[in-house]
């Protein structure tokens, strides 16, 4: 899927997820777009470093510590952006889980509609 389409889907998923969770707020569509871009950037630059530094804990928890890393990325985005608010770690954790689910569902709907005729 193209980068622009993925960012658009992530933006919509962020808006939907913030509507579902009472502890998460997004002011505008542009804030949701900035949040999607920042989360993508943090996932590209920061998340791999966090994973490397926490390999022992991740192994001991059978990979569940990766959820903590995802919540930390959401908390970082909330701290860096005005207009995107997350009310604590547990809401960040729920936000990351619900956001992943909604994004996966939306991507599967889009990718199933657009298939090349080979």
Protein backbone atom coordinates (compact mmCIF):
# COMPACT_ATOMS: atom_id res chain seq x y z
CA UNK A 1 0.00 0.00 0.00
CA UNK A 2 1.29 3.46 -0.81
CA UNK A 3 2.64 5.65 1.96
CA UNK A 4 0.02 8.36 1.44
CA UNK A 5 -2.81 5.84 1.68
CA UNK A 6 -1.31 4.31 4.85
CA UNK A 7 -0.95 7.72 6.50
CA UNK A 8 -4.53 8.61 5.55
CA UNK A 9 -5.83 5.34 6.99
CA UNK A 10 -3.79 5.88 10.15
CA UNK A 11 -5.19 9.39 10.49
CA UNK A 12 -8.76 8.14 10.24
CA UNK A 13 -7.98 5.29 12.65
CA UNK A 14 -6.55 7.79 15.16
CA UNK A 15 -9.73 9.87 14.94
CA UNK A 16 -11.95 6.81 15.40
CA UNK A 17 -9.87 5.48 18.29
CA UNK A 18 -9.85 8.85 20.05
CA UNK A 19 -13.64 8.93 19.68
CA UNK A 20 -13.92 5.48 21.31
CA UNK A 21 -11.57 6.08 24.25
CA UNK A 22 -12.53 8.76 26.78
CA UNK A 23 -8.92 9.25 27.94
CA UNK A 24 -7.63 10.22 24.50
CA UNK A 25 -8.39 13.47 22.69
CA UNK A 26 -7.47 14.77 19.24
CA UNK A 27 -8.34 18.40 18.52
CA UNK A 28 -8.57 18.48 14.71
CA UNK A 29 -8.06 16.40 11.60
CA UNK A 30 -4.71 18.11 11.05
CA UNK A 31 -3.66 17.14 14.57
CA UNK A 32 -4.62 13.54 13.80
CA UNK A 33 -2.55 13.73 10.60
CA UNK A 34 0.42 15.12 12.53
CA UNK A 35 -0.05 12.37 15.12
CA UNK A 36 -0.03 9.69 12.43
CA UNK A 37 3.14 11.13 10.92
CA UNK A 38 4.85 11.46 14.30
CA UNK A 39 3.91 7.93 15.37
CA UNK A 40 5.26 6.61 12.06
CA UNK A 41 8.49 8.55 12.60
CA UNK A 42 8.86 7.35 16.20
CA UNK A 43 8.14 3.76 15.12
CA UNK A 44 10.88 4.06 12.52
CA UNK A 45 13.56 5.77 14.62
CA UNK A 46 12.93 5.13 18.32
CA UNK A 47 11.10 1.81 18.51
CA UNK A 48 13.96 -0.32 17.11
CA UNK A 49 16.33 1.13 19.72
CA UNK A 50 13.86 0.45 22.51
CA UNK A 51 13.42 -3.11 21.30
CA UNK A 52 17.18 -3.71 21.24
CA UNK A 53 17.67 -2.27 24.73
CA UNK A 54 14.83 -4.35 26.18
CA UNK A 55 15.51 -7.72 24.55
CA UNK A 56 15.98 -9.54 27.90
CA UNK A 57 12.71 -8.21 29.33
CA UNK A 58 10.90 -8.94 26.07
CA UNK A 59 12.13 -12.54 26.11
CA UNK A 60 11.17 -13.00 29.76
CA UNK A 61 7.67 -11.69 29.11
CA UNK A 62 7.27 -13.73 25.90
CA UNK A 63 6.99 -10.54 23.83
CA UNK A 64 4.34 -8.83 25.93
CA UNK A 65 6.78 -6.05 26.79
CA UNK A 66 6.40 -4.87 23.20
CA UNK A 67 2.96 -3.59 24.24
CA UNK A 68 4.72 -1.38 26.81
CA UNK A 69 7.02 -0.08 24.08
CA UNK A 70 4.00 0.70 21.87
CA UNK A 71 2.33 2.56 24.74
CA UNK A 72 5.56 4.47 25.33
CA UNK A 73 5.60 5.58 21.69
CA UNK A 74 2.04 6.86 22.08
CA UNK A 75 3.01 8.70 25.28
CA UNK A 76 5.97 10.29 23.48
CA UNK A 77 3.71 11.47 20.67
CA UNK A 78 1.31 12.91 23.24
CA UNK A 79 4.14 14.78 24.94
CA UNK A 80 5.50 16.17 21.66
CA UNK A 81 2.25 17.27 20.01
CA UNK A 82 -0.16 19.94 21.11
CA UNK A 83 -3.72 18.86 20.43
CA UNK A 84 -3.11 15.14 21.01
CA UNK A 85 -3.74 14.17 24.62
CA UNK A 86 -3.46 10.77 26.29
CA UNK A 87 -4.52 10.55 29.92
CA UNK A 88 -1.91 8.13 31.27
CA UNK A 89 -0.16 4.89 30.46
CA UNK A 90 -3.21 2.62 30.51
CA UNK A 91 -5.07 4.77 27.99
CA UNK A 92 -1.93 4.80 25.82
CA UNK A 93 -1.83 1.00 26.00
CA UNK A 94 -5.52 0.68 25.08
CA UNK A 95 -5.08 3.30 22.36
CA UNK A 96 -2.20 1.38 20.76
CA UNK A 97 -4.13 -1.92 20.83
CA UNK A 98 -7.36 -0.45 19.44
CA UNK A 99 -5.46 1.65 16.88
CA UNK A 100 -3.62 -1.44 15.63
CA UNK A 101 -6.89 -3.35 15.31
CA UNK A 102 -8.75 -0.56 13.50
CA UNK A 103 -5.81 0.08 11.16
CA UNK A 104 -5.53 -3.61 10.31
CA UNK A 105 -9.26 -3.86 9.56
CA UNK A 106 -9.21 -0.73 7.39
CA UNK A 107 -6.09 -1.85 5.51
CA UNK A 108 -7.61 -5.26 4.83
CA UNK A 109 -10.76 -3.63 3.47
CA UNK A 110 -8.78 -1.31 1.20
CA UNK A 111 -6.27 -3.90 0.01
CA UNK A 112 -9.01 -6.44 -0.76
CA UNK A 113 -10.79 -3.87 -2.96
CA UNK A 114 -7.68 -2.93 -4.95
CA UNK A 115 -6.07 -6.01 -6.43
CA UNK A 116 -4.32 -6.15 -9.78
CA UNK A 117 -5.90 -8.24 -12.50
CA UNK A 118 -3.11 -10.67 -13.32
